Amino acid sequence: MGGFVVAMLTRVGMALAEAIIARFAWELYAYMRSRNAAAAAA
């Protein structure tokens, strides 16, 4: 029982971390792209 709970928490935690990392990477990509576009337009 305890091992099952730990496994579930581990999977949930990994999925959550993956989603947070993906979101951060997308925000960073969008920021860099908009900054480069502004620099090219200037």
PDB file of N, CA and C in Angstrom:
ATOM      1  N   MET A   1       0.834  -1.202   0.000  1.00  0.00           N
ATOM      2  CA  MET A   1       0.000   0.000   0.000  1.00  0.00           C
ATOM      3  C   MET A   1       0.871   1.256   0.000  1.00  0.00           C
ATOM      4  N   GLY A   2       1.851   1.293   0.913  1.00  0.00           N
ATOM      5  CA  GLY A   2       2.700   2.475   0.980  1.00  0.00           C
ATOM      6  C   GLY A   2       3.474   2.704  -0.308  1.00  0.00           C
ATOM      7  N   GLY A   3       3.965   1.603  -0.897  1.00  0.00           N
ATOM      8  CA  GLY A   3       4.720   1.729  -2.142  1.00  0.00           C
ATOM      9  C   GLY A   3       3.850   2.271  -3.267  1.00  0.00           C
ATOM     10  N   PHE A   4       2.586   1.856  -3.288  1.00  0.00           N
ATOM     11  CA  PHE A   4       1.664   2.337  -4.319  1.00  0.00           C
ATOM     12  C   PHE A   4       1.458   3.844  -4.198  1.00  0.00           C
ATOM     13  N   VAL A   5       1.295   4.313  -2.966  1.00  0.00           N
ATOM     14  CA  VAL A   5       1.097   5.747  -2.739  1.00  0.00           C
ATOM     15  C   VAL A   5       2.334   6.523  -3.181  1.00  0.00           C
ATOM     16  N   VAL A   6       3.507   6.009  -2.833  1.00  0.00           N
ATOM     17  CA  VAL A   6       4.750   6.687  -3.221  1.00  0.00           C
ATOM     18  C   VAL A   6       4.874   6.729  -4.738  1.00  0.00           C
ATOM     19  N   ALA A   7       4.544   5.614  -5.401  1.00  0.00           N
ATOM     20  CA  ALA A   7       4.628   5.573  -6.865  1.00  0.00           C
ATOM     21  C   ALA A   7       3.667   6.582  -7.492  1.00  0.00           C
ATOM     22  N   MET A   8       2.468   6.660  -6.960  1.00  0.00           N
ATOM     23  CA  MET A   8       1.494   7.610  -7.500  1.00  0.00           C
ATOM     24  C   MET A   8       1.963   9.050  -7.296  1.00  0.00           C
ATOM     25  N   LEU A   9       2.460   9.348  -6.095  1.00  0.00           N
ATOM     26  CA  LEU A   9       2.949  10.703  -5.827  1.00  0.00           C
ATOM     27  C   LEU A   9       4.124  11.047  -6.732  1.00  0.00           C
ATOM     28  N   THR A  10       4.997  10.067  -6.961  1.00  0.00           N
ATOM     29  CA  THR A  10       6.149  10.300  -7.832  1.00  0.00           C
ATOM     30  C   THR A  10       5.691  10.621  -9.249  1.00  0.00           C
ATOM     31  N   ARG A  11       4.726   9.852  -9.757  1.00  0.00           N
ATOM     32  CA  ARG A  11       4.248  10.082 -11.122  1.00  0.00           C
ATOM     33  C   ARG A  11       3.549  11.427 -11.232  1.00  0.00           C
ATOM     34  N   VAL A  12       2.745  11.767 -10.227  1.00  0.00           N
ATOM     35  CA  VAL A  12       2.055  13.060 -10.249  1.00  0.00           C
ATOM     36  C   VAL A  12       3.072  14.198 -10.178  1.00  0.00           C
ATOM     37  N   GLY A  13       4.063  14.049  -9.316  1.00  0.00           N
ATOM     38  CA  GLY A  13       5.081  15.079  -9.182  1.00  0.00           C
ATOM     39  C   GLY A  13       5.890  15.265 -10.452  1.00  0.00           C
ATOM     40  N   MET A  14       6.235  14.163 -11.098  1.00  0.00           N
ATOM     41  CA  MET A  14       6.994  14.247 -12.349  1.00  0.00           C
ATOM     42  C   MET A  14       6.161  14.906 -13.437  1.00  0.00           C
ATOM     43  N   ALA A  15       4.876  14.563 -13.516  1.00  0.00           N
ATOM     44  CA  ALA A  15       4.002  15.163 -14.523  1.00  0.00           C
ATOM     45  C   ALA A  15       3.859  16.662 -14.278  1.00  0.00           C
ATOM     46  N   LEU A  16       3.726  17.034 -13.014  1.00  0.00           N
ATOM     47  CA  LEU A  16       3.588  18.444 -12.657  1.00  0.00           C
ATOM     48  C   LEU A  16       4.863  19.210 -13.014  1.00  0.00           C
ATOM     49  N   ALA A  17       6.022  18.650 -12.668  1.00  0.00           N
ATOM     50  CA  ALA A  17       7.294  19.297 -12.982  1.00  0.00           C
ATOM     51  C   ALA A  17       7.466  19.431 -14.490  1.00  0.00           C
ATOM     52  N   GLU A  18       7.058  18.401 -15.238  1.00  0.00           N
ATOM     53  CA  GLU A  18       7.180  18.446 -16.690  1.00  0.00           C
ATOM     54  C   GLU A  18       6.313  19.558 -17.266  1.00  0.00           C
ATOM     55  N   ALA A  19       5.100  19.699 -16.743  1.00  0.00           N
ATOM     56  CA  ALA A  19       4.194  20.742 -17.226  1.00  0.00           C
ATOM     57  C   ALA A  19       4.746  22.128 -16.907  1.00  0.00           C
ATOM     58  N   ILE A  20       5.298  22.289 -15.703  1.00  0.00           N
ATOM     59  CA  ILE A  20       5.859  23.583 -15.304  1.00  0.00           C
ATOM     60  C   ILE A  20       7.060  23.939 -16.184  1.00  0.00           C
ATOM     61  N   ILE A  21       7.932  22.947 -16.434  1.00  0.00           N
ATOM     62  CA  ILE A  21       9.117  23.187 -17.263  1.00  0.00           C
ATOM     63  C   ILE A  21       8.702  23.532 -18.691  1.00  0.00           C
ATOM     64  N   ALA A  22       7.708  22.801 -19.229  1.00  0.00           N
ATOM     65  CA  ALA A  22       7.251  23.069 -20.594  1.00  0.00           C
ATOM     66  C   ALA A  22       6.662  24.479 -20.689  1.00  0.00           C
ATOM     67  N   ARG A  23       5.879  24.867 -19.695  1.00  0.00           N
ATOM     68  CA  ARG A  23       5.272  26.194 -19.679  1.00  0.00           C
ATOM     69  C   ARG A  23       6.355  27.281 -19.605  1.00  0.00           C
ATOM     70  N   PHE A  24       7.359  27.080 -18.739  1.00  0.00           N
ATOM     71  CA  PHE A  24       8.439  28.050 -18.601  1.00  0.00           C
ATOM     72  C   PHE A  24       9.217  28.176 -19.910  1.00  0.00           C
ATOM     73  N   ALA A  25       9.499  27.027 -20.547  1.00  0.00           N
ATOM     74  CA  ALA A  25      10.246  27.038 -21.812  1.00  0.00           C
ATOM     75  C   ALA A  25       9.451  27.783 -22.880  1.00  0.00           C
ATOM     76  N   TRP A  26       8.130  27.575 -22.925  1.00  0.00           N
ATOM     77  CA  TRP A  26       7.296  28.253 -23.924  1.00  0.00           C
ATOM     78  C   TRP A  26       7.276  29.759 -23.668  1.00  0.00           C
ATOM     79  N   GLU A  27       7.153  30.170 -22.419  1.00  0.00           N
ATOM     80  CA  GLU A  27       7.161  31.596 -22.085  1.00  0.00           C
ATOM     81  C   GLU A  27       8.496  32.232 -22.486  1.00  0.00           C
ATOM     82  N   LEU A  28       9.597  31.524 -22.202  1.00  0.00           N
ATOM     83  CA  LEU A  28      10.919  32.031 -22.549  1.00  0.00           C
ATOM     84  C   LEU A  28      11.064  32.158 -24.062  1.00  0.00           C
ATOM     85  N   TYR A  29      10.577  31.149 -24.798  1.00  0.00           N
ATOM     86  CA  TYR A  29      10.641  31.168 -26.257  1.00  0.00           C
ATOM     87  C   TYR A  29       9.847  32.344 -26.822  1.00  0.00           C
ATOM     88  N   ALA A  30       8.633  32.545 -26.295  1.00  0.00           N
ATOM     89  CA  ALA A  30       7.793  33.640 -26.779  1.00  0.00           C
ATOM     90  C   ALA A  30       8.451  34.989 -26.480  1.00  0.00           C
ATOM     91  N   TYR A  31       9.055  35.102 -25.297  1.00  0.00           N
ATOM     92  CA  TYR A  31       9.719  36.353 -24.912  1.00  0.00           C
ATOM     93  C   TYR A  31      10.903  36.649 -25.834  1.00  0.00           C
ATOM     94  N   MET A  32      11.722  35.632 -26.080  1.00  0.00           N
ATOM     95  CA  MET A  32      12.888  35.828 -26.942  1.00  0.00           C
ATOM     96  C   MET A  32      12.451  36.179 -28.361  1.00  0.00           C
ATOM     97  N   ARG A  33      11.395  35.525 -28.850  1.00  0.00           N
ATOM     98  CA  ARG A  33      10.933  35.779 -30.207  1.00  0.00           C
ATOM     99  C   ARG A  33      10.406  37.200 -30.334  1.00  0.00           C
ATOM    100  N   SER A  34       9.626  37.657 -29.351  1.00  0.00           N
ATOM    101  CA  SER A  34       9.076  39.010 -29.414  1.00  0.00           C
ATOM    102  C   SER A  34      10.198  40.039 -29.282  1.00  0.00           C
ATOM    103  N   ARG A  35      11.194  39.729 -28.462  1.00  0.00           N
ATOM    104  CA  ARG A  35      12.315  40.657 -28.294  1.00  0.00           C
ATOM    105  C   ARG A  35      13.118  40.755 -29.588  1.00  0.00           C
ATOM    106  N   ASN A  36      13.339  39.606 -30.238  1.00  0.00           N
ATOM    107  CA  ASN A  36      14.077  39.614 -31.498  1.00  0.00           C
ATOM    108  C   ASN A  36      13.287  40.355 -32.575  1.00  0.00           C
ATOM    109  N   ALA A  37      11.965  40.184 -32.589  1.00  0.00           N
ATOM    110  CA  ALA A  37      11.132  40.876 -33.571  1.00  0.00           C
ATOM    111  C   ALA A  37      11.194  42.383 -33.340  1.00  0.00           C
ATOM    112  N   ALA A  38      11.167  42.811 -32.081  1.00  0.00           N
ATOM    113  CA  ALA A  38      11.238  44.233 -31.767  1.00  0.00           C
ATOM    114  C   ALA A  38      12.598  44.797 -32.175  1.00  0.00           C
ATOM    115  N   ALA A  39      13.659  44.027 -31.954  1.00  0.00           N
ATOM    116  CA  ALA A  39      15.001  44.479 -32.314  1.00  0.00           C
ATOM    117  C   ALA A  39      15.134  44.576 -33.834  1.00  0.00           C
ATOM    118  N   ALA A  40      14.528  43.641 -34.557  1.00  0.00           N
ATOM    119  CA  ALA A  40      14.608  43.661 -36.018  1.00  0.00           C
ATOM    120  C   ALA A  40      13.805  44.829 -36.582  1.00  0.00           C
ATOM    121  N   ALA A  41      12.699  45.180 -35.938  1.00  0.00           N
ATOM    122  CA  ALA A  41      11.851  46.272 -36.414  1.00  0.00           C
ATOM    123  C   ALA A  41      12.491  47.622 -36.112  1.00  0.00           C
ATOM    124  N   ALA A  42      13.249  47.708 -35.044  1.00  0.00           N
ATOM    125  CA  ALA A  42      13.846  48.982 -34.635  1.00  0.00           C
ATOM    126  C   ALA A  42      14.940  49.402 -35.607  1.00  0.00           C
TER     127      ALA A  42
END
